Amino acid sequence: MKLPDAVKAYFDAGECTDAGALVGAFSETAFVHDEGETHRGHEPIRLWWLEAKRKYNHTAEPISATADGKEISVLANVSGDFPNSPAELRFRFVLEQDKITELEIG
C-alpha cells in the first residue's frame, strides 16, 4: 500500500519507537486528537506519543487507506497492552506541504 511520506513516517516511527522521527512528520502547528484530548505542537505531540507507548506498548500496522484531497484515512490493526487487543482503529490524517497538520484517532 502506498502511503504519503509523512503518514508512512508516522507508522514507521511506531515500529522503532523513534519520537524524533514521529514529530518530524508533523507541521509545527499540528494537532492530534486521541482519547478525548487534543495535543497541539511538536512537544505536546511528542509527550502524548511517548506516554501512549509507555502506557499501551502498542504497534499499529496499516491495513487499508483512502485519500480524499488533503485527507488520508488509514485503517490499522493496533495491538498492545489494552483490553480487546488487537483492535482495528481509524487514523484520519490531514496533510499540507508534505506534513501532517491534523491527526484524529478512533
PDB file of N, CA and C in Angstrom:
ATOM      1  N   MET A   1       0.842  -1.163   0.000  1.00  0.00           N
ATOM      2  CA  MET A   1       0.000   0.000   0.000  1.00  0.00           C
ATOM      3  C   MET A   1       0.897   1.239   0.000  1.00  0.00           C
ATOM      4  N   LYS A   2       0.587   2.182  -0.858  1.00  0.00           N
ATOM      5  CA  LYS A   2       1.361   3.414  -0.986  1.00  0.00           C
ATOM      6  C   LYS A   2       0.755   4.488  -0.091  1.00  0.00           C
ATOM      7  N   LEU A   3       1.520   4.943   0.893  1.00  0.00           N
ATOM      8  CA  LEU A   3       1.091   5.999   1.799  1.00  0.00           C
ATOM      9  C   LEU A   3       1.947   7.243   1.559  1.00  0.00           C
ATOM     10  N   PRO A   4       1.398   8.438   1.770  1.00  0.00           N
ATOM     11  CA  PRO A   4       2.222   9.647   1.704  1.00  0.00           C
ATOM     12  C   PRO A   4       3.397   9.525   2.685  1.00  0.00           C
ATOM     13  N   ASP A   5       4.509  10.164   2.358  1.00  0.00           N
ATOM     14  CA  ASP A   5       5.722  10.031   3.164  1.00  0.00           C
ATOM     15  C   ASP A   5       5.497  10.350   4.643  1.00  0.00           C
ATOM     16  N   ALA A   6       4.757  11.407   4.950  1.00  0.00           N
ATOM     17  CA  ALA A   6       4.547  11.780   6.348  1.00  0.00           C
ATOM     18  C   ALA A   6       3.738  10.722   7.096  1.00  0.00           C
ATOM     19  N   VAL A   7       2.739  10.151   6.437  1.00  0.00           N
ATOM     20  CA  VAL A   7       1.919   9.108   7.059  1.00  0.00           C
ATOM     21  C   VAL A   7       2.755   7.846   7.260  1.00  0.00           C
ATOM     22  N   LYS A   8       3.548   7.494   6.256  1.00  0.00           N
ATOM     23  CA  LYS A   8       4.437   6.338   6.386  1.00  0.00           C
ATOM     24  C   LYS A   8       5.422   6.560   7.537  1.00  0.00           C
ATOM     25  N   ALA A   9       5.971   7.778   7.644  1.00  0.00           N
ATOM     26  CA  ALA A   9       6.907   8.091   8.732  1.00  0.00           C
ATOM     27  C   ALA A   9       6.237   7.934  10.091  1.00  0.00           C
ATOM     28  N   TYR A  10       4.961   8.323  10.199  1.00  0.00           N
ATOM     29  CA  TYR A  10       4.220   8.173  11.451  1.00  0.00           C
ATOM     30  C   TYR A  10       4.173   6.699  11.865  1.00  0.00           C
ATOM     31  N   PHE A  11       3.763   5.831  10.960  1.00  0.00           N
ATOM     32  CA  PHE A  11       3.656   4.413  11.303  1.00  0.00           C
ATOM     33  C   PHE A  11       5.032   3.766  11.477  1.00  0.00           C
ATOM     34  N   ASP A  12       6.014   4.154  10.666  1.00  0.00           N
ATOM     35  CA  ASP A  12       7.368   3.604  10.809  1.00  0.00           C
ATOM     36  C   ASP A  12       7.978   3.968  12.162  1.00  0.00           C
ATOM     37  N   ALA A  13       7.737   5.189  12.638  1.00  0.00           N
ATOM     38  CA  ALA A  13       8.282   5.634  13.926  1.00  0.00           C
ATOM     39  C   ALA A  13       7.756   4.767  15.064  1.00  0.00           C
ATOM     40  N   GLY A  14       6.521   4.308  14.937  1.00  0.00           N
ATOM     41  CA  GLY A  14       5.944   3.443  15.954  1.00  0.00           C
ATOM     42  C   GLY A  14       6.610   2.096  16.039  1.00  0.00           C
ATOM     43  N   GLU A  15       7.088   1.615  14.908  1.00  0.00           N
ATOM     44  CA  GLU A  15       7.759   0.312  14.885  1.00  0.00           C
ATOM     45  C   GLU A  15       9.117   0.364  15.581  1.00  0.00           C
ATOM     46  N   CYS A  16       9.816   1.501  15.462  1.00  0.00           N
ATOM     47  CA  CYS A  16      11.160   1.583  16.047  1.00  0.00           C
ATOM     48  C   CYS A  16      11.198   2.531  17.248  1.00  0.00           C
ATOM     49  N   THR A  17      10.020   2.981  17.712  1.00  0.00           N
ATOM     50  CA  THR A  17       9.867   3.890  18.850  1.00  0.00           C
ATOM     51  C   THR A  17      10.791   5.114  18.747  1.00  0.00           C
ATOM     52  N   ASP A  18      10.730   5.794  17.604  1.00  0.00           N
ATOM     53  CA  ASP A  18      11.548   6.969  17.335  1.00  0.00           C
ATOM     54  C   ASP A  18      10.679   8.225  17.422  1.00  0.00           C
ATOM     55  N   ALA A  19      10.650   8.853  18.607  1.00  0.00           N
ATOM     56  CA  ALA A  19       9.811  10.035  18.814  1.00  0.00           C
ATOM     57  C   ALA A  19      10.254  11.194  17.936  1.00  0.00           C
ATOM     58  N   GLY A  20      11.540  11.317  17.677  1.00  0.00           N
ATOM     59  CA  GLY A  20      12.036  12.395  16.822  1.00  0.00           C
ATOM     60  C   GLY A  20      11.534  12.260  15.399  1.00  0.00           C
ATOM     61  N   ALA A  21      11.580  11.053  14.869  1.00  0.00           N
ATOM     62  CA  ALA A  21      11.072  10.814  13.514  1.00  0.00           C
ATOM     63  C   ALA A  21       9.571  11.046  13.455  1.00  0.00           C
ATOM     64  N   LEU A  22       8.872  10.637  14.503  1.00  0.00           N
ATOM     65  CA  LEU A  22       7.433  10.836  14.533  1.00  0.00           C
ATOM     66  C   LEU A  22       7.103  12.325  14.498  1.00  0.00           C
ATOM     67  N   VAL A  23       7.694  13.107  15.367  1.00  0.00           N
ATOM     68  CA  VAL A  23       7.407  14.540  15.431  1.00  0.00           C
ATOM     69  C   VAL A  23       7.801  15.224  14.124  1.00  0.00           C
ATOM     70  N   GLY A  24       8.856  14.755  13.473  1.00  0.00           N
ATOM     71  CA  GLY A  24       9.287  15.332  12.208  1.00  0.00           C
ATOM     72  C   GLY A  24       8.271  15.190  11.092  1.00  0.00           C
ATOM     73  N   ALA A  25       7.317  14.278  11.239  1.00  0.00           N
ATOM     74  CA  ALA A  25       6.276  14.085  10.233  1.00  0.00           C
ATOM     75  C   ALA A  25       5.165  15.127  10.359  1.00  0.00           C
ATOM     76  N   PHE A  26       5.131  15.872  11.479  1.00  0.00           N
ATOM     77  CA  PHE A  26       4.079  16.848  11.763  1.00  0.00           C
ATOM     78  C   PHE A  26       4.560  18.270  11.494  1.00  0.00           C
ATOM     79  N   SER A  27       3.632  19.141  11.076  1.00  0.00           N
ATOM     80  CA  SER A  27       3.940  20.565  10.990  1.00  0.00           C
ATOM     81  C   SER A  27       4.067  21.106  12.414  1.00  0.00           C
ATOM     82  N   GLU A  28       4.662  22.285  12.559  1.00  0.00           N
ATOM     83  CA  GLU A  28       4.867  22.858  13.891  1.00  0.00           C
ATOM     84  C   GLU A  28       3.556  23.207  14.577  1.00  0.00           C
ATOM     85  N   THR A  29       2.504  23.449  13.812  1.00  0.00           N
ATOM     86  CA  THR A  29       1.217  23.838  14.384  1.00  0.00           C
ATOM     87  C   THR A  29       0.200  22.698  14.367  1.00  0.00           C
ATOM     88  N   ALA A  30       0.658  21.495  14.109  1.00  0.00           N
ATOM     89  CA  ALA A  30      -0.235  20.336  14.008  1.00  0.00           C
ATOM     90  C   ALA A  30      -0.899  20.035  15.337  1.00  0.00           C
ATOM     91  N   PHE A  31      -1.994  19.281  15.232  1.00  0.00           N
ATOM     92  CA  PHE A  31      -2.614  18.779  16.451  1.00  0.00           C
ATOM     93  C   PHE A  31      -3.039  17.329  16.256  1.00  0.00           C
ATOM     94  N   VAL A  32      -3.090  16.621  17.395  1.00  0.00           N
ATOM     95  CA  VAL A  32      -3.532  15.228  17.452  1.00  0.00           C
ATOM     96  C   VAL A  32      -4.707  15.182  18.402  1.00  0.00           C
ATOM     97  N   HIS A  33      -5.780  14.514  17.972  1.00  0.00           N
ATOM     98  CA  HIS A  33      -6.932  14.293  18.842  1.00  0.00           C
ATOM     99  C   HIS A  33      -7.033  12.779  19.078  1.00  0.00           C
ATOM    100  N   ASP A  34      -6.898  12.373  20.337  1.00  0.00           N
ATOM    101  CA  ASP A  34      -6.910  10.956  20.697  1.00  0.00           C
ATOM    102  C   ASP A  34      -7.441  10.822  22.118  1.00  0.00           C
ATOM    103  N   GLU A  35      -8.297   9.835  22.330  1.00  0.00           N
ATOM    104  CA  GLU A  35      -8.855   9.539  23.648  1.00  0.00           C
ATOM    105  C   GLU A  35      -9.462  10.783  24.309  1.00  0.00           C
ATOM    106  N   GLY A  36     -10.149  11.607  23.522  1.00  0.00           N
ATOM    107  CA  GLY A  36     -10.846  12.759  24.060  1.00  0.00           C
ATOM    108  C   GLY A  36      -9.980  13.964  24.369  1.00  0.00           C
ATOM    109  N   GLU A  37      -8.703  13.909  24.037  1.00  0.00           N
ATOM    110  CA  GLU A  37      -7.803  15.022  24.315  1.00  0.00           C
ATOM    111  C   GLU A  37      -7.147  15.492  23.024  1.00  0.00           C
ATOM    112  N   THR A  38      -6.784  16.784  23.004  1.00  0.00           N
ATOM    113  CA  THR A  38      -6.107  17.369  21.855  1.00  0.00           C
ATOM    114  C   THR A  38      -4.720  17.822  22.281  1.00  0.00           C
ATOM    115  N   HIS A  39      -3.726  17.490  21.455  1.00  0.00           N
ATOM    116  CA  HIS A  39      -2.321  17.818  21.713  1.00  0.00           C
ATOM    117  C   HIS A  39      -1.839  18.644  20.525  1.00  0.00           C
ATOM    118  N   ARG A  40      -1.421  19.900  20.769  1.00  0.00           N
ATOM    119  CA  ARG A  40      -1.078  20.829  19.690  1.00  0.00           C
ATOM    120  C   ARG A  40       0.399  21.221  19.780  1.00  0.00           C
ATOM    121  N   GLY A  41       1.116  21.059  18.665  1.00  0.00           N
ATOM    122  CA  GLY A  41       2.526  21.447  18.594  1.00  0.00           C
ATOM    123  C   GLY A  41       3.444  20.251  18.808  1.00  0.00           C
ATOM    124  N   HIS A  42       4.707  20.429  18.411  1.00  0.00           N
ATOM    125  CA  HIS A  42       5.665  19.320  18.432  1.00  0.00           C
ATOM    126  C   HIS A  42       5.864  18.704  19.811  1.00  0.00           C
ATOM    127  N   GLU A  43       6.132  19.532  20.820  1.00  0.00           N
ATOM    128  CA  GLU A  43       6.439  18.966  22.142  1.00  0.00           C
ATOM    129  C   GLU A  43       5.230  18.262  22.768  1.00  0.00           C
ATOM    130  N   PRO A  44       4.034  18.847  22.751  1.00  0.00           N
ATOM    131  CA  PRO A  44       2.874  18.112  23.276  1.00  0.00           C
ATOM    132  C   PRO A  44       2.593  16.815  22.503  1.00  0.00           C
ATOM    133  N   ILE A  45       2.810  16.825  21.194  1.00  0.00           N
ATOM    134  CA  ILE A  45       2.603  15.600  20.408  1.00  0.00           C
ATOM    135  C   ILE A  45       3.634  14.549  20.796  1.00  0.00           C
ATOM    136  N   ARG A  46       4.885  14.961  20.955  1.00  0.00           N
ATOM    137  CA  ARG A  46       5.940  14.018  21.365  1.00  0.00           C
ATOM    138  C   ARG A  46       5.609  13.414  22.727  1.00  0.00           C
ATOM    139  N   LEU A  47       5.201  14.256  23.678  1.00  0.00           N
ATOM    140  CA  LEU A  47       4.879  13.762  25.018  1.00  0.00           C
ATOM    141  C   LEU A  47       3.664  12.845  25.001  1.00  0.00           C
ATOM    142  N   TRP A  48       2.629  13.174  24.230  1.00  0.00           N
ATOM    143  CA  TRP A  48       1.441  12.307  24.076  1.00  0.00           C
ATOM    144  C   TRP A  48       1.857  10.938  23.561  1.00  0.00           C
ATOM    145  N   TRP A  49       2.678  10.925  22.524  1.00  0.00           N
ATOM    146  CA  TRP A  49       3.077   9.674  21.891  1.00  0.00           C
ATOM    147  C   TRP A  49       3.926   8.816  22.845  1.00  0.00           C
ATOM    148  N   LEU A  50       4.885   9.439  23.526  1.00  0.00           N
ATOM    149  CA  LEU A  50       5.725   8.683  24.471  1.00  0.00           C
ATOM    150  C   LEU A  50       4.894   8.104  25.608  1.00  0.00           C
ATOM    151  N   GLU A  51       3.929   8.882  26.114  1.00  0.00           N
ATOM    152  CA  GLU A  51       3.062   8.391  27.192  1.00  0.00           C
ATOM    153  C   GLU A  51       2.197   7.230  26.704  1.00  0.00           C
ATOM    154  N   ALA A  52       1.657   7.340  25.486  1.00  0.00           N
ATOM    155  CA  ALA A  52       0.840   6.250  24.935  1.00  0.00           C
ATOM    156  C   ALA A  52       1.691   4.994  24.747  1.00  0.00           C
ATOM    157  N   LYS A  53       2.928   5.153  24.280  1.00  0.00           N
ATOM    158  CA  LYS A  53       3.829   3.998  24.120  1.00  0.00           C
ATOM    159  C   LYS A  53       4.103   3.345  25.473  1.00  0.00           C
ATOM    160  N   ARG A  54       4.353   4.184  26.495  1.00  0.00           N
ATOM    161  CA  ARG A  54       4.630   3.649  27.829  1.00  0.00           C
ATOM    162  C   ARG A  54       3.404   2.923  28.376  1.00  0.00           C
ATOM    163  N   LYS A  55       2.248   3.540  28.211  1.00  0.00           N
ATOM    164  CA  LYS A  55       1.017   3.008  28.784  1.00  0.00           C
ATOM    165  C   LYS A  55       0.530   1.750  28.077  1.00  0.00           C
ATOM    166  N   TYR A  56       0.568   1.753  26.737  1.00  0.00           N
ATOM    167  CA  TYR A  56      -0.042   0.669  25.967  1.00  0.00           C
ATOM    168  C   TYR A  56       0.953  -0.257  25.262  1.00  0.00           C
ATOM    169  N   ASN A  57       2.218   0.169  25.141  1.00  0.00           N
ATOM    170  CA  ASN A  57       3.217  -0.635  24.434  1.00  0.00           C
ATOM    171  C   ASN A  57       2.633  -1.160  23.115  1.00  0.00           C
ATOM    172  N   HIS A  58       2.113  -0.257  22.328  1.00  0.00           N
ATOM    173  CA  HIS A  58       1.333  -0.624  21.144  1.00  0.00           C
ATOM    174  C   HIS A  58       2.107  -0.487  19.828  1.00  0.00           C
ATOM    175  N   THR A  59       1.628  -1.193  18.840  1.00  0.00           N
ATOM    176  CA  THR A  59       2.080  -1.036  17.460  1.00  0.00           C
ATOM    177  C   THR A  59       0.839  -0.909  16.594  1.00  0.00           C
ATOM    178  N   ALA A  60       0.989  -0.231  15.466  1.00  0.00           N
ATOM    179  CA  ALA A  60      -0.116  -0.041  14.528  1.00  0.00           C
ATOM    180  C   ALA A  60       0.355  -0.394  13.129  1.00  0.00           C
ATOM    181  N   GLU A  61      -0.344  -1.336  12.505  1.00  0.00           N
ATOM    182  CA  GLU A  61       0.006  -1.773  11.156  1.00  0.00           C
ATOM    183  C   GLU A  61      -1.127  -1.400  10.205  1.00  0.00           C
ATOM    184  N   PRO A  62      -0.844  -0.525   9.239  1.00  0.00           N
ATOM    185  CA  PRO A  62      -1.878  -0.134   8.283  1.00  0.00           C
ATOM    186  C   PRO A  62      -2.434  -1.328   7.512  1.00  0.00           C
ATOM    187  N   ILE A  63      -3.763  -1.346   7.362  1.00  0.00           N
ATOM    188  CA  ILE A  63      -4.456  -2.395   6.614  1.00  0.00           C
ATOM    189  C   ILE A  63      -4.931  -1.857   5.271  1.00  0.00           C
ATOM    190  N   SER A  64      -5.510  -0.645   5.304  1.00  0.00           N
ATOM    191  CA  SER A  64      -6.017  -0.032   4.082  1.00  0.00           C
ATOM    192  C   SER A  64      -5.986   1.475   4.235  1.00  0.00           C
ATOM    193  N   ALA A  65      -6.034   2.175   3.096  1.00  0.00           N
ATOM    194  CA  ALA A  65      -6.024   3.634   3.125  1.00  0.00           C
ATOM    195  C   ALA A  65      -6.874   4.177   1.989  1.00  0.00           C
ATOM    196  N   THR A  66      -7.532   5.294   2.251  1.00  0.00           N
ATOM    197  CA  THR A  66      -8.273   6.007   1.227  1.00  0.00           C
ATOM    198  C   THR A  66      -7.886   7.479   1.322  1.00  0.00           C
ATOM    199  N   ALA A  67      -7.855   8.134   0.176  1.00  0.00           N
ATOM    200  CA  ALA A  67      -7.479   9.543   0.121  1.00  0.00           C
ATOM    201  C   ALA A  67      -8.616  10.351  -0.474  1.00  0.00           C
ATOM    202  N   ASP A  68      -8.806  11.543   0.087  1.00  0.00           N
ATOM    203  CA  ASP A  68      -9.797  12.482  -0.425  1.00  0.00           C
ATOM    204  C   ASP A  68      -9.203  13.878  -0.279  1.00  0.00           C
ATOM    205  N   GLY A  69      -8.543  14.335  -1.325  1.00  0.00           N
ATOM    206  CA  GLY A  69      -7.869  15.628  -1.266  1.00  0.00           C
ATOM    207  C   GLY A  69      -6.709  15.580  -0.299  1.00  0.00           C
ATOM    208  N   LYS A  70      -6.716  16.488   0.693  1.00  0.00           N
ATOM    209  CA  LYS A  70      -5.647  16.566   1.689  1.00  0.00           C
ATOM    210  C   LYS A  70      -5.825  15.551   2.810  1.00  0.00           C
ATOM    211  N   GLU A  71      -6.964  14.863   2.832  1.00  0.00           N
ATOM    212  CA  GLU A  71      -7.277  13.944   3.923  1.00  0.00           C
ATOM    213  C   GLU A  71      -6.970  12.505   3.527  1.00  0.00           C
ATOM    214  N   ILE A  72      -6.291  11.802   4.423  1.00  0.00           N
ATOM    215  CA  ILE A  72      -5.972  10.387   4.247  1.00  0.00           C
ATOM    216  C   ILE A  72      -6.562   9.638   5.436  1.00  0.00           C
ATOM    217  N   SER A  73      -7.359   8.618   5.158  1.00  0.00           N
ATOM    218  CA  SER A  73      -7.943   7.793   6.211  1.00  0.00           C
ATOM    219  C   SER A  73      -7.281   6.420   6.144  1.00  0.00           C
ATOM    220  N   VAL A  74      -6.681   6.013   7.247  1.00  0.00           N
ATOM    221  CA  VAL A  74      -5.967   4.738   7.307  1.00  0.00           C
ATOM    222  C   VAL A  74      -6.620   3.856   8.364  1.00  0.00           C
ATOM    223  N   LEU A  75      -7.005   2.662   7.956  1.00  0.00           N
ATOM    224  CA  LEU A  75      -7.466   1.650   8.905  1.00  0.00           C
ATOM    225  C   LEU A  75      -6.239   0.834   9.288  1.00  0.00           C
ATOM    226  N   ALA A  76      -6.009   0.707  10.598  1.00  0.00           N
ATOM    227  CA  ALA A  76      -4.813  -0.002  11.066  1.00  0.00           C
ATOM    228  C   ALA A  76      -5.181  -1.014  12.136  1.00  0.00           C
ATOM    229  N   ASN A  77      -4.422  -2.094  12.159  1.00  0.00           N
ATOM    230  CA  ASN A  77      -4.521  -3.107  13.198  1.00  0.00           C
ATOM    231  C   ASN A  77      -3.588  -2.675  14.327  1.00  0.00           C
ATOM    232  N   VAL A  78      -4.171  -2.343  15.480  1.00  0.00           N
ATOM    233  CA  VAL A  78      -3.398  -1.852  16.621  1.00  0.00           C
ATOM    234  C   VAL A  78      -3.390  -2.927  17.697  1.00  0.00           C
ATOM    235  N   SER A  79      -2.188  -3.286  18.130  1.00  0.00           N
ATOM    236  CA  SER A  79      -2.078  -4.285  19.188  1.00  0.00           C
ATOM    237  C   SER A  79      -1.170  -3.743  20.284  1.00  0.00           C
ATOM    238  N   GLY A  80      -1.444  -4.189  21.506  1.00  0.00           N
ATOM    239  CA  GLY A  80      -0.645  -3.724  22.631  1.00  0.00           C
ATOM    240  C   GLY A  80      -1.265  -4.168  23.939  1.00  0.00           C
ATOM    241  N   ASP A  81      -0.905  -3.474  25.007  1.00  0.00           N
ATOM    242  CA  ASP A  81      -1.366  -3.801  26.348  1.00  0.00           C
ATOM    243  C   ASP A  81      -2.634  -3.018  26.678  1.00  0.00           C
ATOM    244  N   PHE A  82      -3.749  -3.393  26.060  1.00  0.00           N
ATOM    245  CA  PHE A  82      -5.040  -2.770  26.327  1.00  0.00           C
ATOM    246  C   PHE A  82      -6.131  -3.807  26.083  1.00  0.00           C
ATOM    247  N   PRO A  83      -7.296  -3.631  26.703  1.00  0.00           N
ATOM    248  CA  PRO A  83      -8.384  -4.600  26.542  1.00  0.00           C
ATOM    249  C   PRO A  83      -8.786  -4.743  25.069  1.00  0.00           C
ATOM    250  N   ASN A  84      -9.167  -5.936  24.691  1.00  0.00           N
ATOM    251  CA  ASN A  84      -9.615  -6.266  23.326  1.00  0.00           C
ATOM    252  C   ASN A  84      -8.539  -6.096  22.268  1.00  0.00           C
ATOM    253  N   SER A  85      -7.273  -6.161  22.657  1.00  0.00           N
ATOM    254  CA  SER A  85      -6.183  -6.096  21.687  1.00  0.00           C
ATOM    255  C   SER A  85      -6.108  -7.424  20.941  1.00  0.00           C
ATOM    256  N   PRO A  86      -5.879  -7.404  19.658  1.00  0.00           N
ATOM    257  CA  PRO A  86      -5.739  -6.256  18.771  1.00  0.00           C
ATOM    258  C   PRO A  86      -7.100  -5.681  18.382  1.00  0.00           C
ATOM    259  N   ALA A  87      -7.056  -4.408  17.944  1.00  0.00           N
ATOM    260  CA  ALA A  87      -8.268  -3.716  17.509  1.00  0.00           C
ATOM    261  C   ALA A  87      -7.974  -2.972  16.212  1.00  0.00           C
ATOM    262  N   GLU A  88      -8.993  -2.820  15.392  1.00  0.00           N
ATOM    263  CA  GLU A  88      -8.861  -2.016  14.186  1.00  0.00           C
ATOM    264  C   GLU A  88      -9.289  -0.593  14.518  1.00  0.00           C
ATOM    265  N   LEU A  89      -8.395   0.366  14.280  1.00  0.00           N
ATOM    266  CA  LEU A  89      -8.679   1.768  14.540  1.00  0.00           C
ATOM    267  C   LEU A  89      -8.491   2.578  13.262  1.00  0.00           C
ATOM    268  N   ARG A  90      -9.268   3.644  13.156  1.00  0.00           N
ATOM    269  CA  ARG A  90      -9.181   4.559  12.018  1.00  0.00           C
ATOM    270  C   ARG A  90      -8.307   5.748  12.397  1.00  0.00           C
ATOM    271  N   PHE A  91      -7.337   6.049  11.551  1.00  0.00           N
ATOM    272  CA  PHE A  91      -6.454   7.202  11.709  1.00  0.00           C
ATOM    273  C   PHE A  91      -6.780   8.169  10.576  1.00  0.00           C
ATOM    274  N   ARG A  92      -7.244   9.367  10.924  1.00  0.00           N
ATOM    275  CA  ARG A  92      -7.577  10.360   9.902  1.00  0.00           C
ATOM    276  C   ARG A  92      -6.506  11.446   9.930  1.00  0.00           C
ATOM    277  N   PHE A  93      -5.753  11.518   8.836  1.00  0.00           N
ATOM    278  CA  PHE A  93      -4.673  12.485   8.696  1.00  0.00           C
ATOM    279  C   PHE A  93      -5.104  13.595   7.748  1.00  0.00           C
ATOM    280  N   VAL A  94      -4.709  14.820   8.045  1.00  0.00           N
ATOM    281  CA  VAL A  94      -4.811  15.923   7.098  1.00  0.00           C
ATOM    282  C   VAL A  94      -3.383  16.380   6.828  1.00  0.00           C
ATOM    283  N   LEU A  95      -3.044  16.493   5.550  1.00  0.00           N
ATOM    284  CA  LEU A  95      -1.680  16.848   5.145  1.00  0.00           C
ATOM    285  C   LEU A  95      -1.667  18.188   4.424  1.00  0.00           C
ATOM    286  N   GLU A  96      -0.611  18.949   4.664  1.00  0.00           N
ATOM    287  CA  GLU A  96      -0.326  20.172   3.923  1.00  0.00           C
ATOM    288  C   GLU A  96       1.177  20.261   3.769  1.00  0.00           C
ATOM    289  N   GLN A  97       1.620  20.517   2.538  1.00  0.00           N
ATOM    290  CA  GLN A  97       3.045  20.637   2.234  1.00  0.00           C
ATOM    291  C   GLN A  97       3.840  19.457   2.792  1.00  0.00           C
ATOM    292  N   ASP A  98       3.344  18.267   2.563  1.00  0.00           N
ATOM    293  CA  ASP A  98       4.006  17.016   2.951  1.00  0.00           C
ATOM    294  C   ASP A  98       4.218  16.842   4.451  1.00  0.00           C
ATOM    295  N   LYS A  99       3.412  17.521   5.265  1.00  0.00           N
ATOM    296  CA  LYS A  99       3.468  17.367   6.723  1.00  0.00           C
ATOM    297  C   LYS A  99       2.067  17.089   7.236  1.00  0.00           C
ATOM    298  N   ILE A 100       1.974  16.365   8.343  1.00  0.00           N
ATOM    299  CA  ILE A 100       0.692  16.116   8.989  1.00  0.00           C
ATOM    300  C   ILE A 100       0.311  17.393   9.752  1.00  0.00           C
ATOM    301  N   THR A 101      -0.891  17.906   9.469  1.00  0.00           N
ATOM    302  CA  THR A 101      -1.379  19.076  10.207  1.00  0.00           C
ATOM    303  C   THR A 101      -2.447  18.678  11.217  1.00  0.00           C
ATOM    304  N   GLU A 102      -3.126  17.565  10.957  1.00  0.00           N
ATOM    305  CA  GLU A 102      -4.137  17.049  11.871  1.00  0.00           C
ATOM    306  C   GLU A 102      -4.102  15.525  11.874  1.00  0.00           C
ATOM    307  N   LEU A 103      -4.289  14.960  13.041  1.00  0.00           N
ATOM    308  CA  LEU A 103      -4.458  13.510  13.183  1.00  0.00           C
ATOM    309  C   LEU A 103      -5.552  13.269  14.202  1.00  0.00           C
ATOM    310  N   GLU A 104      -6.525  12.489  13.801  1.00  0.00           N
ATOM    311  CA  GLU A 104      -7.585  12.081  14.716  1.00  0.00           C
ATOM    312  C   GLU A 104      -7.604  10.554  14.733  1.00  0.00           C
ATOM    313  N   ILE A 105      -7.552   9.983  15.931  1.00  0.00           N
ATOM    314  CA  ILE A 105      -7.511   8.521  16.085  1.00  0.00           C
ATOM    315  C   ILE A 105      -8.788   8.073  16.757  1.00  0.00           C
ATOM    316  N   GLY A 106      -9.394   7.033  16.194  1.00  0.00           N
ATOM    317  CA  GLY A 106     -10.582   6.477  16.830  1.00  0.00           C
ATOM    318  C   GLY A 106     -11.641   6.075  15.855  1.00  0.00           C
TER     319      GLY A 106
END
